[in-house]
């Protein structure tokens, strides 16, 4: 149970880190776009090509992060189910052991 709890925590931490990374990428892209717009100049063909490649890279990274998040969510759900099953099993084992002890065993 302890290892599953640690794995669940790690999964949640990874999920949060992936979300933060996605947000940082989004902010960097928005900042670059706003800086260009504030300048008022028309970007060159080379700048447009760089922008296009950055956008493609960003979209690919976002897609990969979303896929990773989906995997982490699935792992999180599976681990949570395992923890719940172990807790139920533990409770049943304790109840069974308690029922097996005769009432006069401690007298």
Protein backbone atom coordinates (compact mmCIF):
# COMPACT_ATOMS: atom_id res chain seq x y z
CA UNK A 1 0.00 0.00 0.00
CA UNK A 2 2.85 2.35 0.87
CA UNK A 3 4.53 1.82 -2.52
CA UNK A 4 1.24 2.34 -4.33
CA UNK A 5 0.65 5.54 -2.39
CA UNK A 6 4.12 6.78 -3.35
CA UNK A 7 3.52 5.85 -6.99
CA UNK A 8 0.20 7.70 -6.91
CA UNK A 9 1.88 10.79 -5.45
CA UNK A 10 4.62 10.61 -8.10
CA UNK A 11 1.98 10.32 -10.79
CA UNK A 12 0.18 13.38 -9.47
CA UNK A 13 3.47 15.31 -9.28
CA UNK A 14 4.31 14.36 -12.89
CA UNK A 15 0.86 15.46 -13.96
CA UNK A 16 1.27 18.85 -12.27
CA UNK A 17 4.74 19.32 -13.79
CA UNK A 18 3.42 18.53 -17.27
CA UNK A 19 0.63 21.07 -16.84
CA UNK A 20 3.13 23.70 -15.71
CA UNK A 21 5.34 22.98 -18.71
CA UNK A 22 2.40 23.30 -21.09
CA UNK A 23 1.45 26.63 -19.53
CA UNK A 24 5.04 27.92 -19.77
CA UNK A 25 5.17 27.00 -23.46
CA UNK A 26 1.84 28.71 -24.07
CA UNK A 27 3.00 31.87 -22.26
CA UNK A 28 6.30 31.99 -24.16
CA UNK A 29 4.48 31.67 -27.45
CA UNK A 30 1.98 34.38 -26.48
CA UNK A 31 4.78 36.70 -25.33
CA UNK A 32 6.63 36.29 -28.62
CA UNK A 33 3.46 36.93 -30.57
CA UNK A 34 2.61 40.02 -28.49
CA UNK A 35 6.14 41.41 -28.90
CA UNK A 36 5.87 41.05 -32.66
CA UNK A 37 2.45 42.70 -32.72
CA UNK A 38 3.65 45.58 -30.52
CA UNK A 39 6.53 46.24 -32.90
CA UNK A 40 4.06 46.75 -35.73
CA UNK A 41 6.48 45.52 -38.35
CA UNK A 42 5.74 42.77 -40.79
CA UNK A 43 7.83 39.66 -40.10
CA UNK A 44 10.23 38.50 -42.79
CA UNK A 45 9.82 35.22 -44.62
CA UNK A 46 12.56 33.74 -42.43
CA UNK A 47 10.76 34.90 -39.27
CA UNK A 48 7.50 33.44 -40.58
CA UNK A 49 9.26 30.14 -41.25
CA UNK A 50 10.74 30.13 -37.74
CA UNK A 51 7.34 30.99 -36.30
CA UNK A 52 5.69 28.20 -38.29
CA UNK A 53 8.29 25.67 -37.12
CA UNK A 54 7.95 26.85 -33.51
CA UNK A 55 4.20 26.53 -33.76
CA UNK A 56 4.49 23.01 -35.19
CA UNK A 57 6.93 22.07 -32.43
CA UNK A 58 4.65 23.59 -29.81
CA UNK A 59 1.62 21.73 -31.16
CA UNK A 60 3.56 18.46 -31.22
CA UNK A 61 4.78 19.00 -27.65
CA UNK A 62 1.27 19.85 -26.47
CA UNK A 63 -0.05 16.69 -28.15
CA UNK A 64 2.70 14.59 -26.54
CA UNK A 65 2.07 16.16 -23.13
CA UNK A 66 -1.66 15.51 -23.44
CA UNK A 67 -0.94 11.88 -24.32
CA UNK A 68 1.40 11.67 -21.33
CA UNK A 69 -1.28 13.22 -19.12
CA UNK A 70 -3.80 10.68 -20.37
CA UNK A 71 -1.36 7.91 -19.46
CA UNK A 72 -0.72 9.44 -16.06
CA UNK A 73 -4.45 9.77 -15.43
CA UNK A 74 -4.94 6.11 -16.35
CA UNK A 75 -2.06 5.09 -14.07
CA UNK A 76 -3.46 7.31 -11.33
CA UNK A 77 -6.88 5.68 -11.62
CA UNK A 78 -5.38 2.18 -11.65
CA UNK A 79 -3.22 2.94 -8.61
CA UNK A 80 -6.14 4.49 -6.76
CA UNK A 81 -8.23 1.40 -7.48
CA UNK A 82 -5.41 -0.83 -6.20
CA UNK A 83 -5.13 1.22 -3.01
CA UNK A 84 -8.89 1.00 -2.46
CA UNK A 85 -8.89 -2.76 -3.11
CA UNK A 86 -6.00 -3.25 -0.69
CA UNK A 87 -7.76 -1.21 1.99
CA UNK A 88 -10.93 -3.30 1.58
CA UNK A 89 -8.88 -6.51 1.65
CA UNK A 90 -7.03 -5.34 4.75
CA UNK A 91 -10.30 -4.47 6.50
CA UNK A 92 -11.74 -7.88 5.60
CA UNK A 93 -8.61 -9.66 6.86
CA UNK A 94 -8.68 -7.73 10.15
CA UNK A 95 -12.40 -8.46 10.59
CA UNK A 96 -11.85 -12.14 9.79
CA UNK A 97 -8.95 -12.39 12.22
CA UNK A 98 -10.95 -10.64 14.92
CA UNK A 99 -13.89 -12.99 14.37
CA UNK A 100 -11.61 -16.03 14.69
CA UNK A 101 -10.46 -15.05 18.18
CA UNK A 102 -12.71 -16.58 20.86
CA UNK A 103 -14.37 -14.12 23.21
CA UNK A 104 -12.66 -15.69 26.24
CA UNK A 105 -9.16 -15.69 24.69
CA UNK A 106 -8.06 -12.68 26.71
CA UNK A 107 -9.51 -13.73 30.07
